[in-house]
PDB file of N, CA and C in Angstrom:
ATOM      1  N   MET A   1       1.798  75.963 -62.931  1.00  0.00           N
ATOM      2  CA  MET A   1       2.351  76.358 -61.710  1.00  0.00           C
ATOM      3  C   MET A   1       3.126  75.334 -60.992  1.00  0.00           C
ATOM      4  N   ALA A   2       4.308  75.691 -60.607  1.00  0.00           N
ATOM      5  CA  ALA A   2       5.168  74.685 -59.898  1.00  0.00           C
ATOM      6  C   ALA A   2       4.682  74.400 -58.531  1.00  0.00           C
ATOM      7  N   ARG A   3       4.787  73.025 -58.201  1.00  0.00           N
ATOM      8  CA  ARG A   3       4.315  72.564 -56.987  1.00  0.00           C
ATOM      9  C   ARG A   3       5.536  72.492 -55.947  1.00  0.00           C
ATOM     10  N   LEU A   4       5.321  72.695 -54.763  1.00  0.00           N
ATOM     11  CA  LEU A   4       6.282  72.632 -53.770  1.00  0.00           C
ATOM     12  C   LEU A   4       6.561  70.964 -53.486  1.00  0.00           C
ATOM     13  N   THR A   5       7.876  70.803 -53.187  1.00  0.00           N
ATOM     14  CA  THR A   5       8.312  69.461 -52.985  1.00  0.00           C
ATOM     15  C   THR A   5       7.555  69.014 -51.561  1.00  0.00           C
ATOM     16  N   SER A   6       7.405  67.713 -51.285  1.00  0.00           N
ATOM     17  CA  SER A   6       6.654  67.352 -50.125  1.00  0.00           C
ATOM     18  C   SER A   6       7.544  67.774 -48.853  1.00  0.00           C
ATOM     19  N   ASP A   7       8.734  67.658 -48.810  1.00  0.00           N
ATOM     20  CA  ASP A   7       9.441  68.110 -47.615  1.00  0.00           C
ATOM     21  C   ASP A   7       9.337  69.568 -47.433  1.00  0.00           C
ATOM     22  N   ILE A   8       9.248  70.450 -48.291  1.00  0.00           N
ATOM     23  CA  ILE A   8       9.084  71.875 -48.170  1.00  0.00           C
ATOM     24  C   ILE A   8       7.761  72.163 -47.667  1.00  0.00           C
ATOM     25  N   TRP A   9       6.731  71.445 -48.202  1.00  0.00           N
ATOM     26  CA  TRP A   9       5.402  71.695 -47.803  1.00  0.00           C
ATOM     27  C   TRP A   9       5.160  71.291 -46.238  1.00  0.00           C
ATOM     28  N   VAL A  10       5.702  70.091 -45.911  1.00  0.00           N
ATOM     29  CA  VAL A  10       5.707  69.709 -44.481  1.00  0.00           C
ATOM     30  C   VAL A  10       6.393  70.529 -43.596  1.00  0.00           C
ATOM     31  N   SER A  11       7.478  71.114 -43.943  1.00  0.00           N
ATOM     32  CA  SER A  11       8.153  71.966 -43.099  1.00  0.00           C
ATOM     33  C   SER A  11       7.325  73.286 -42.894  1.00  0.00           C
ATOM     34  N   ALA A  12       6.837  73.788 -43.881  1.00  0.00           N
ATOM     35  CA  ALA A  12       5.914  75.033 -43.933  1.00  0.00           C
ATOM     36  C   ALA A  12       4.705  74.757 -43.094  1.00  0.00           C
ATOM     37  N   TYR A  13       4.094  73.637 -43.231  1.00  0.00           N
ATOM     38  CA  TYR A  13       2.894  73.288 -42.486  1.00  0.00           C
ATOM     39  C   TYR A  13       3.155  73.158 -41.085  1.00  0.00           C
ATOM     40  N   LEU A  14       4.372  72.606 -40.607  1.00  0.00           N
ATOM     41  CA  LEU A  14       4.698  72.463 -39.216  1.00  0.00           C
ATOM     42  C   LEU A  14       5.073  73.803 -38.614  1.00  0.00           C
ATOM     43  N   ALA A  15       5.640  74.642 -39.452  1.00  0.00           N
ATOM     44  CA  ALA A  15       5.906  76.068 -38.943  1.00  0.00           C
ATOM     45  C   ALA A  15       4.704  76.787 -38.607  1.00  0.00           C
ATOM     46  N   ARG A  16       3.757  76.664 -39.521  1.00  0.00           N
ATOM     47  CA  ARG A  16       2.423  77.349 -39.382  1.00  0.00           C
ATOM     48  C   ARG A  16       1.756  76.821 -38.091  1.00  0.00           C
ATOM     49  N   LEU A  17       1.758  75.514 -37.892  1.00  0.00           N
ATOM     50  CA  LEU A  17       1.150  74.995 -36.685  1.00  0.00           C
ATOM     51  C   LEU A  17       1.863  75.482 -35.407  1.00  0.00           C
ATOM     52  N   ARG A  18       3.207  75.455 -35.497  1.00  0.00           N
ATOM     53  CA  ARG A  18       3.823  76.101 -34.384  1.00  0.00           C
ATOM     54  C   ARG A  18       3.504  77.466 -33.994  1.00  0.00           C
ATOM     55  N   LEU A  19       3.328  78.276 -35.082  1.00  0.00           N
ATOM     56  CA  LEU A  19       2.957  79.780 -34.776  1.00  0.00           C
ATOM     57  C   LEU A  19       1.565  79.733 -34.099  1.00  0.00           C
ATOM     58  N   ALA A  20       0.832  78.776 -34.305  1.00  0.00           N
ATOM     59  CA  ALA A  20      -0.714  78.647 -33.711  1.00  0.00           C
ATOM     60  C   ALA A  20      -0.591  77.964 -32.340  1.00  0.00           C
ATOM     61  N   ASP A  21       0.579  77.671 -31.952  1.00  0.00           N
ATOM     62  CA  ASP A  21       0.715  76.690 -30.675  1.00  0.00           C
ATOM     63  C   ASP A  21      -0.052  75.404 -30.725  1.00  0.00           C
ATOM     64  N   ILE A  22      -0.048  74.796 -31.833  1.00  0.00           N
ATOM     65  CA  ILE A  22      -0.681  73.568 -32.167  1.00  0.00           C
ATOM     66  C   ILE A  22       0.428  72.526 -32.266  1.00  0.00           C
ATOM     67  N   PRO A  23       0.625  71.456 -31.313  1.00  0.00           N
ATOM     68  CA  PRO A  23       1.700  70.505 -31.467  1.00  0.00           C
ATOM     69  C   PRO A  23       1.425  69.651 -32.592  1.00  0.00           C
ATOM     70  N   ALA A  24       2.615  69.321 -33.252  1.00  0.00           N
ATOM     71  CA  ALA A  24       2.480  68.411 -34.444  1.00  0.00           C
ATOM     72  C   ALA A  24       3.881  67.881 -34.704  1.00  0.00           C
ATOM     73  N   PHE A  25       3.975  66.585 -35.299  1.00  0.00           N
ATOM     74  CA  PHE A  25       5.219  66.085 -35.463  1.00  0.00           C
ATOM     75  C   PHE A  25       5.076  65.127 -36.738  1.00  0.00           C
ATOM     76  N   VAL A  26       6.190  64.761 -37.342  1.00  0.00           N
ATOM     77  CA  VAL A  26       6.277  63.807 -38.419  1.00  0.00           C
ATOM     78  C   VAL A  26       6.398  62.481 -37.778  1.00  0.00           C
ATOM     79  N   VAL A  27       5.308  61.603 -38.113  1.00  0.00           N
ATOM     80  CA  VAL A  27       5.360  60.239 -37.722  1.00  0.00           C
ATOM     81  C   VAL A  27       6.161  59.438 -38.588  1.00  0.00           C
ATOM     82  N   THR A  28       5.866  59.648 -39.834  1.00  0.00           N
ATOM     83  CA  THR A  28       6.684  58.933 -40.972  1.00  0.00           C
ATOM     84  C   THR A  28       7.084  59.812 -42.150  1.00  0.00           C
ATOM     85  N   ARG A  29       8.390  59.855 -42.376  1.00  0.00           N
ATOM     86  CA  ARG A  29       8.869  60.614 -43.386  1.00  0.00           C
ATOM     87  C   ARG A  29       8.891  59.929 -44.705  1.00  0.00           C
ATOM     88  N   GLY A  30       8.153  60.603 -45.685  1.00  0.00           N
ATOM     89  CA  GLY A  30       8.097  59.841 -47.108  1.00  0.00           C
ATOM     90  C   GLY A  30       9.095  60.541 -48.020  1.00  0.00           C
ATOM     91  N   ASP A  31       8.790  60.262 -49.252  1.00  0.00           N
ATOM     92  CA  ASP A  31       9.615  60.695 -50.311  1.00  0.00           C
ATOM     93  C   ASP A  31       9.714  62.326 -50.252  1.00  0.00           C
ATOM     94  N   ALA A  32      11.016  62.871 -50.262  1.00  0.00           N
ATOM     95  CA  ALA A  32      11.085  64.250 -50.000  1.00  0.00           C
ATOM     96  C   ALA A  32      10.648  65.156 -51.209  1.00  0.00           C
ATOM     97  N   THR A  33      10.583  64.485 -52.418  1.00  0.00           N
ATOM     98  CA  THR A  33      10.260  65.306 -53.623  1.00  0.00           C
ATOM     99  C   THR A  33       8.589  65.225 -53.800  1.00  0.00           C
ATOM    100  N   ALA A  34       8.117  63.954 -53.935  1.00  0.00           N
ATOM    101  CA  ALA A  34       6.783  63.848 -54.329  1.00  0.00           C
ATOM    102  C   ALA A  34       6.004  62.887 -53.550  1.00  0.00           C
ATOM    103  N   GLY A  35       6.243  62.645 -52.344  1.00  0.00           N
ATOM    104  CA  GLY A  35       5.531  61.816 -51.408  1.00  0.00           C
ATOM    105  C   GLY A  35       4.186  62.467 -51.049  1.00  0.00           C
ATOM    106  N   ALA A  36       3.240  61.604 -51.056  1.00  0.00           N
ATOM    107  CA  ALA A  36       1.871  62.064 -50.648  1.00  0.00           C
ATOM    108  C   ALA A  36       1.890  62.342 -49.229  1.00  0.00           C
ATOM    109  N   VAL A  37       0.971  63.258 -48.550  1.00  0.00           N
ATOM    110  CA  VAL A  37       0.888  63.437 -47.241  1.00  0.00           C
ATOM    111  C   VAL A  37      -0.374  63.175 -46.537  1.00  0.00           C
ATOM    112  N   LEU A  38      -0.400  62.488 -45.475  1.00  0.00           N
ATOM    113  CA  LEU A  38      -1.554  62.340 -44.626  1.00  0.00           C
ATOM    114  C   LEU A  38      -1.465  63.121 -43.459  1.00  0.00           C
ATOM    115  N   VAL A  39      -2.471  63.838 -42.894  1.00  0.00           N
ATOM    116  CA  VAL A  39      -2.388  64.492 -41.781  1.00  0.00           C
ATOM    117  C   VAL A  39      -3.484  63.811 -40.734  1.00  0.00           C
ATOM    118  N   LYS A  40      -2.964  63.295 -39.648  1.00  0.00           N
ATOM    119  CA  LYS A  40      -3.703  62.847 -38.649  1.00  0.00           C
ATOM    120  C   LYS A  40      -4.006  63.759 -37.671  1.00  0.00           C
ATOM    121  N   LEU A  41      -5.325  64.079 -37.235  1.00  0.00           N
ATOM    122  CA  LEU A  41      -5.766  64.983 -36.267  1.00  0.00           C
ATOM    123  C   LEU A  41      -6.076  64.142 -35.037  1.00  0.00           C
ATOM    124  N   ASN A  42      -5.516  64.166 -33.998  1.00  0.00           N
ATOM    125  CA  ASN A  42      -5.644  63.519 -32.702  1.00  0.00           C
ATOM    126  C   ASN A  42      -6.218  64.568 -31.757  1.00  0.00           C
ATOM    127  N   THR A  43      -7.569  64.355 -31.261  1.00  0.00           N
ATOM    128  CA  THR A  43      -8.210  65.305 -30.467  1.00  0.00           C
ATOM    129  C   THR A  43      -7.904  64.804 -28.953  1.00  0.00           C
ATOM    130  N   LEU A  44      -7.035  63.896 -28.696  1.00  0.00           N
ATOM    131  CA  LEU A  44      -6.636  63.592 -27.393  1.00  0.00           C
ATOM    132  C   LEU A  44      -7.833  63.088 -26.512  1.00  0.00           C
ATOM    133  N   ASP A  45      -8.799  62.524 -27.056  1.00  0.00           N
ATOM    134  CA  ASP A  45      -9.947  62.047 -26.468  1.00  0.00           C
ATOM    135  C   ASP A  45     -10.349  60.604 -26.745  1.00  0.00           C
ATOM    136  N   GLY A  46      -9.373  59.984 -27.427  1.00  0.00           N
ATOM    137  CA  GLY A  46      -9.542  58.659 -27.997  1.00  0.00           C
ATOM    138  C   GLY A  46     -10.078  58.648 -29.483  1.00  0.00           C
ATOM    139  N   GLN A  47     -10.345  59.822 -30.003  1.00  0.00           N
ATOM    140  CA  GLN A  47     -10.863  60.045 -31.365  1.00  0.00           C
ATOM    141  C   GLN A  47      -9.793  60.645 -32.246  1.00  0.00           C
ATOM    142  N   ALA A  48      -9.948  60.303 -33.463  1.00  0.00           N
ATOM    143  CA  ALA A  48      -8.883  60.797 -34.383  1.00  0.00           C
ATOM    144  C   ALA A  48      -9.622  61.001 -35.805  1.00  0.00           C
ATOM    145  N   ARG A  49      -8.980  61.752 -36.698  1.00  0.00           N
ATOM    146  CA  ARG A  49      -9.474  61.822 -38.022  1.00  0.00           C
ATOM    147  C   ARG A  49      -8.124  62.014 -38.913  1.00  0.00           C
ATOM    148  N   VAL A  50      -8.094  61.436 -40.094  1.00  0.00           N
ATOM    149  CA  VAL A  50      -7.058  61.495 -40.914  1.00  0.00           C
ATOM    150  C   VAL A  50      -7.453  62.062 -42.287  1.00  0.00           C
ATOM    151  N   TYR A  51      -6.726  63.093 -42.793  1.00  0.00           N
ATOM    152  CA  TYR A  51      -7.019  63.910 -44.074  1.00  0.00           C
ATOM    153  C   TYR A  51      -5.899  63.455 -45.013  1.00  0.00           C
ATOM    154  N   GLN A  52      -6.365  63.360 -46.295  1.00  0.00           N
ATOM    155  CA  GLN A  52      -5.582  63.222 -47.451  1.00  0.00           C
ATOM    156  C   GLN A  52      -5.828  64.292 -48.429  1.00  0.00           C
ATOM    157  N   ARG A  53      -4.934  64.653 -49.286  1.00  0.00           N
ATOM    158  CA  ARG A  53      -5.086  65.667 -50.372  1.00  0.00           C
ATOM    159  C   ARG A  53      -5.663  64.970 -51.622  1.00  0.00           C
ATOM    160  N   SER A  54      -6.753  65.495 -52.086  1.00  0.00           N
ATOM    161  CA  SER A  54      -7.261  64.913 -53.326  1.00  0.00           C
ATOM    162  C   SER A  54      -7.796  66.047 -54.179  1.00  0.00           C
ATOM    163  N   PHE A  55      -8.286  65.613 -55.332  1.00  0.00           N
ATOM    164  CA  PHE A  55      -8.827  66.635 -56.256  1.00  0.00           C
ATOM    165  C   PHE A  55     -10.349  66.655 -56.204  1.00  0.00           C
ATOM    166  N   ASP A  56     -10.871  67.839 -56.039  1.00  0.00           N
ATOM    167  CA  ASP A  56     -12.416  68.076 -56.062  1.00  0.00           C
ATOM    168  C   ASP A  56     -12.765  67.851 -57.607  1.00  0.00           C
ATOM    169  N   LEU A  57     -13.608  66.979 -57.831  1.00  0.00           N
ATOM    170  CA  LEU A  57     -14.010  66.692 -59.259  1.00  0.00           C
ATOM    171  C   LEU A  57     -14.792  67.815 -59.826  1.00  0.00           C
ATOM    172  N   MET A  58     -15.504  68.527 -59.059  1.00  0.00           N
ATOM    173  CA  MET A  58     -16.347  69.502 -59.579  1.00  0.00           C
ATOM    174  C   MET A  58     -15.522  70.781 -59.836  1.00  0.00           C
ATOM    175  N   SER A  59     -14.579  71.219 -58.963  1.00  0.00           N
ATOM    176  CA  SER A  59     -13.809  72.401 -59.215  1.00  0.00           C
ATOM    177  C   SER A  59     -12.425  72.064 -59.848  1.00  0.00           C
ATOM    178  N   GLY A  60     -11.947  70.834 -59.682  1.00  0.00           N
ATOM    179  CA  GLY A  60     -10.664  70.640 -60.323  1.00  0.00           C
ATOM    180  C   GLY A  60      -9.466  71.066 -59.147  1.00  0.00           C
ATOM    181  N   GLU A  61      -9.886  71.669 -58.085  1.00  0.00           N
ATOM    182  CA  GLU A  61      -9.006  72.158 -57.072  1.00  0.00           C
ATOM    183  C   GLU A  61      -8.510  71.012 -56.220  1.00  0.00           C
ATOM    184  N   ARG A  62      -7.289  71.161 -55.560  1.00  0.00           N
ATOM    185  CA  ARG A  62      -6.795  70.296 -54.563  1.00  0.00           C
ATOM    186  C   ARG A  62      -7.472  70.597 -53.269  1.00  0.00           C
ATOM    187  N   VAL A  63      -7.942  69.689 -52.656  1.00  0.00           N
ATOM    188  CA  VAL A  63      -8.617  69.890 -51.239  1.00  0.00           C
ATOM    189  C   VAL A  63      -8.171  68.691 -50.316  1.00  0.00           C
ATOM    190  N   TRP A  64      -8.426  69.122 -49.002  1.00  0.00           N
ATOM    191  CA  TRP A  64      -8.158  68.031 -48.107  1.00  0.00           C
ATOM    192  C   TRP A  64      -9.543  67.372 -47.702  1.00  0.00           C
ATOM    193  N   MET A  65      -9.575  66.028 -47.892  1.00  0.00           N
ATOM    194  CA  MET A  65     -10.703  65.331 -47.588  1.00  0.00           C
ATOM    195  C   MET A  65     -10.415  64.241 -46.487  1.00  0.00           C
ATOM    196  N   VAL A  66     -11.416  63.882 -45.765  1.00  0.00           N
ATOM    197  CA  VAL A  66     -11.365  63.042 -44.676  1.00  0.00           C
ATOM    198  C   VAL A  66     -11.217  61.566 -45.143  1.00  0.00           C
ATOM    199  N   LEU A  67     -10.171  60.851 -44.834  1.00  0.00           N
ATOM    200  CA  LEU A  67      -9.953  59.511 -45.314  1.00  0.00           C
ATOM    201  C   LEU A  67     -10.564  58.600 -44.334  1.00  0.00           C
ATOM    202  N   ALA A  68     -10.324  58.804 -42.982  1.00  0.00           N
ATOM    203  CA  ALA A  68     -11.036  57.943 -42.018  1.00  0.00           C
ATOM    204  C   ALA A  68     -11.122  58.855 -40.685  1.00  0.00           C
ATOM    205  N   GLU A  69     -12.192  58.382 -39.909  1.00  0.00           N
ATOM    206  CA  GLU A  69     -12.355  59.159 -38.557  1.00  0.00           C
ATOM    207  C   GLU A  69     -13.093  58.201 -37.641  1.00  0.00           C
ATOM    208  N   GLY A  70     -12.775  58.252 -36.404  1.00  0.00           N
ATOM    209  CA  GLY A  70     -13.427  57.501 -35.289  1.00  0.00           C
ATOM    210  C   GLY A  70     -12.398  57.244 -34.217  1.00  0.00           C
ATOM    211  N   PRO A  71     -12.511  56.037 -33.523  1.00  0.00           N
ATOM    212  CA  PRO A  71     -11.616  55.737 -32.607  1.00  0.00           C
ATOM    213  C   PRO A  71     -10.273  55.706 -33.097  1.00  0.00           C
ATOM    214  N   GLU A  72      -9.271  56.256 -32.350  1.00  0.00           N
ATOM    215  CA  GLU A  72      -7.823  56.389 -32.848  1.00  0.00           C
ATOM    216  C   GLU A  72      -7.204  55.016 -33.397  1.00  0.00           C
ATOM    217  N   PRO A  73      -7.408  53.842 -32.772  1.00  0.00           N
ATOM    218  CA  PRO A  73      -6.900  52.575 -33.301  1.00  0.00           C
ATOM    219  C   PRO A  73      -7.406  52.396 -34.764  1.00  0.00           C
ATOM    220  N   GLU A  74      -8.611  52.664 -35.006  1.00  0.00           N
ATOM    221  CA  GLU A  74      -9.175  52.431 -36.347  1.00  0.00           C
ATOM    222  C   GLU A  74      -8.588  53.281 -37.337  1.00  0.00           C
ATOM    223  N   VAL A  75      -8.424  54.610 -36.957  1.00  0.00           N
ATOM    224  CA  VAL A  75      -7.741  55.734 -37.817  1.00  0.00           C
ATOM    225  C   VAL A  75      -6.191  55.239 -38.065  1.00  0.00           C
ATOM    226  N   ASP A  76      -5.539  54.739 -37.026  1.00  0.00           N
ATOM    227  CA  ASP A  76      -4.198  54.238 -37.254  1.00  0.00           C
ATOM    228  C   ASP A  76      -4.187  53.014 -38.194  1.00  0.00           C
ATOM    229  N   GLU A  77      -5.228  52.192 -38.027  1.00  0.00           N
ATOM    230  CA  GLU A  77      -5.250  51.020 -39.089  1.00  0.00           C
ATOM    231  C   GLU A  77      -5.347  51.528 -40.457  1.00  0.00           C
ATOM    232  N   ALA A  78      -6.190  52.557 -40.689  1.00  0.00           N
ATOM    233  CA  ALA A  78      -6.420  53.021 -42.012  1.00  0.00           C
ATOM    234  C   ALA A  78      -5.104  53.634 -42.626  1.00  0.00           C
ATOM    235  N   ILE A  79      -4.512  54.352 -41.682  1.00  0.00           N
ATOM    236  CA  ILE A  79      -3.148  54.981 -42.066  1.00  0.00           C
ATOM    237  C   ILE A  79      -2.121  53.885 -42.400  1.00  0.00           C
ATOM    238  N   ALA A  80      -2.116  52.717 -41.615  1.00  0.00           N
ATOM    239  CA  ALA A  80      -1.232  51.614 -41.919  1.00  0.00           C
ATOM    240  C   ALA A  80      -1.557  50.959 -43.297  1.00  0.00           C
ATOM    241  N   ARG A  81      -2.881  50.790 -43.548  1.00  0.00           N
ATOM    242  CA  ARG A  81      -3.163  50.374 -44.976  1.00  0.00           C
ATOM    243  C   ARG A  81      -2.755  51.237 -46.039  1.00  0.00           C
ATOM    244  N   GLN A  82      -2.909  52.574 -45.843  1.00  0.00           N
ATOM    245  CA  GLN A  82      -2.409  53.506 -46.852  1.00  0.00           C
ATOM    246  C   GLN A  82      -0.853  53.371 -47.056  1.00  0.00           C
ATOM    247  N   ARG A  83      -0.092  53.268 -46.066  1.00  0.00           N
ATOM    248  CA  ARG A  83       1.280  53.038 -46.037  1.00  0.00           C
ATOM    249  C   ARG A  83       1.728  51.764 -46.721  1.00  0.00           C
ATOM    250  N   GLY A  84       0.852  50.741 -46.643  1.00  0.00           N
ATOM    251  CA  GLY A  84       1.153  49.528 -47.279  1.00  0.00           C
ATOM    252  C   GLY A  84       1.045  49.624 -48.887  1.00  0.00           C
ATOM    253  N   PHE A  85       0.183  50.547 -49.287  1.00  0.00           N
ATOM    254  CA  PHE A  85      -0.044  50.846 -50.622  1.00  0.00           C
ATOM    255  C   PHE A  85       0.999  51.833 -51.204  1.00  0.00           C
ATOM    256  N   ASP A  86       1.457  52.579 -50.261  1.00  0.00           N
ATOM    257  CA  ASP A  86       2.331  53.757 -50.750  1.00  0.00           C
ATOM    258  C   ASP A  86       3.460  53.957 -49.705  1.00  0.00           C
ATOM    259  N   PRO A  87       4.616  53.353 -49.954  1.00  0.00           N
ATOM    260  CA  PRO A  87       5.702  53.437 -48.857  1.00  0.00           C
ATOM    261  C   PRO A  87       6.436  54.883 -48.860  1.00  0.00           C
ATOM    262  N   ASP A  88       6.063  55.738 -49.923  1.00  0.00           N
ATOM    263  CA  ASP A  88       6.662  57.073 -49.964  1.00  0.00           C
ATOM    264  C   ASP A  88       5.806  58.102 -49.262  1.00  0.00           C
ATOM    265  N   LEU A  89       4.721  57.606 -48.480  1.00  0.00           N
ATOM    266  CA  LEU A  89       3.792  58.466 -47.838  1.00  0.00           C
ATOM    267  C   LEU A  89       4.354  59.168 -46.588  1.00  0.00           C
ATOM    268  N   TRP A  90       3.988  60.423 -46.457  1.00  0.00           N
ATOM    269  CA  TRP A  90       4.374  61.127 -45.157  1.00  0.00           C
ATOM    270  C   TRP A  90       3.174  60.962 -44.224  1.00  0.00           C
ATOM    271  N   VAL A  91       3.325  60.914 -42.913  1.00  0.00           N
ATOM    272  CA  VAL A  91       2.317  60.964 -42.016  1.00  0.00           C
ATOM    273  C   VAL A  91       2.586  62.027 -40.951  1.00  0.00           C
ATOM    274  N   ILE A  92       1.714  63.015 -40.960  1.00  0.00           N
ATOM    275  CA  ILE A  92       1.977  64.084 -39.883  1.00  0.00           C
ATOM    276  C   ILE A  92       0.936  64.051 -38.773  1.00  0.00           C
ATOM    277  N   GLU A  93       1.228  64.054 -37.466  1.00  0.00           N
ATOM    278  CA  GLU A  93       0.178  63.899 -36.456  1.00  0.00           C
ATOM    279  C   GLU A  93       0.026  65.283 -35.848  1.00  0.00           C
ATOM    280  N   VAL A  94      -1.175  65.722 -35.814  1.00  0.00           N
ATOM    281  CA  VAL A  94      -1.468  66.998 -35.111  1.00  0.00           C
ATOM    282  C   VAL A  94      -2.301  66.665 -33.835  1.00  0.00           C
ATOM    283  N   GLU A  95      -1.899  67.301 -32.798  1.00  0.00           N
ATOM    284  CA  GLU A  95      -2.610  67.001 -31.507  1.00  0.00           C
ATOM    285  C   GLU A  95      -3.373  68.210 -31.098  1.00  0.00           C
ATOM    286  N   ASP A  96      -4.555  68.261 -31.015  1.00  0.00           N
ATOM    287  CA  ASP A  96      -5.344  69.487 -30.673  1.00  0.00           C
ATOM    288  C   ASP A  96      -6.773  69.200 -30.149  1.00  0.00           C
ATOM    289  N   ARG A  97      -6.996  69.304 -28.836  1.00  0.00           N
ATOM    290  CA  ARG A  97      -8.340  69.098 -28.216  1.00  0.00           C
ATOM    291  C   ARG A  97      -9.401  69.827 -28.939  1.00  0.00           C
ATOM    292  N   GLN A  98      -9.079  70.968 -29.567  1.00  0.00           N
ATOM    293  CA  GLN A  98     -10.095  71.787 -30.248  1.00  0.00           C
ATOM    294  C   GLN A  98     -10.373  71.400 -31.640  1.00  0.00           C
ATOM    295  N   GLY A  99      -9.629  70.448 -32.162  1.00  0.00           N
ATOM    296  CA  GLY A  99      -9.760  69.818 -33.518  1.00  0.00           C
ATOM    297  C   GLY A  99      -9.179  70.820 -34.549  1.00  0.00           C
ATOM    298  N   ARG A 100      -8.264  71.701 -34.211  1.00  0.00           N
ATOM    299  CA  ARG A 100      -7.687  72.540 -35.169  1.00  0.00           C
ATOM    300  C   ARG A 100      -6.588  71.908 -36.020  1.00  0.00           C
ATOM    301  N   HIS A 101      -6.644  72.149 -37.300  1.00  0.00           N
ATOM    302  CA  HIS A 101      -5.514  71.432 -38.095  1.00  0.00           C
ATOM    303  C   HIS A 101      -4.999  72.463 -39.161  1.00  0.00           C
ATOM    304  N   LEU A 102      -5.649  73.676 -39.325  1.00  0.00           N
ATOM    305  CA  LEU A 102      -5.142  74.587 -40.299  1.00  0.00           C
ATOM    306  C   LEU A 102      -5.174  74.219 -41.742  1.00  0.00           C
ATOM    307  N   LEU A 103      -5.655  73.165 -42.101  1.00  0.00           N
ATOM    308  CA  LEU A 103      -5.555  72.631 -43.461  1.00  0.00           C
ATOM    309  C   LEU A 103      -6.538  73.432 -44.333  1.00  0.00           C
ATOM    310  N   ASP A 104      -7.496  74.084 -43.760  1.00  0.00           N
ATOM    311  CA  ASP A 104      -8.489  74.946 -44.641  1.00  0.00           C
ATOM    312  C   ASP A 104      -7.908  76.395 -44.753  1.00  0.00           C
ATOM    313  N   GLU A 105      -6.702  76.679 -44.215  1.00  0.00           N
ATOM    314  CA  GLU A 105      -6.225  78.048 -44.432  1.00  0.00           C
ATOM    315  C   GLU A 105      -5.536  78.180 -45.905  1.00  0.00           C
ATOM    316  N   PRO A 106      -5.501  79.390 -46.401  1.00  0.00           N
ATOM    317  CA  PRO A 106      -5.006  79.678 -47.711  1.00  0.00           C
ATOM    318  C   PRO A 106      -3.515  79.240 -47.766  1.00  0.00           C
ATOM    319  N   GLY A 107      -3.263  78.582 -48.972  1.00  0.00           N
ATOM    320  CA  GLY A 107      -1.823  78.190 -49.115  1.00  0.00           C
ATOM    321  C   GLY A 107      -1.540  76.757 -48.779  1.00  0.00           C
ATOM    322  N   LEU A 108      -2.387  76.094 -47.986  1.00  0.00           N
ATOM    323  CA  LEU A 108      -2.152  74.675 -47.557  1.00  0.00           C
ATOM    324  C   LEU A 108      -2.813  73.600 -48.404  1.00  0.00           C
ATOM    325  N   SER A 109      -3.536  73.978 -49.428  1.00  0.00           N
ATOM    326  CA  SER A 109      -4.211  72.972 -50.259  1.00  0.00           C
ATOM    327  C   SER A 109      -3.279  72.539 -51.347  1.00  0.00           C
TER     328      SER A 109
END
């Protein structure tokens, strides 16, 4: 099965968030074709969580897993470390007090 390029996936994800009235924006634009994507969920209370796409070893499926969570500055440090390893990385920030990110919806894994 063909995979979407990173820039198309990010555009589709942002459109889906807009339809749900969930603010989100690109913090860092990565490689358009194959850049990995991190999604930071900012709950606007000083806390945050960042998700990365990974493979579930049991099922072989691509899933979103928590890379880091806690106080927002600590989450930002984890993102900065990842960017140090991977300069082609995309970073999307989602701002939602209810903690919605839509990553568990069909078509976003």
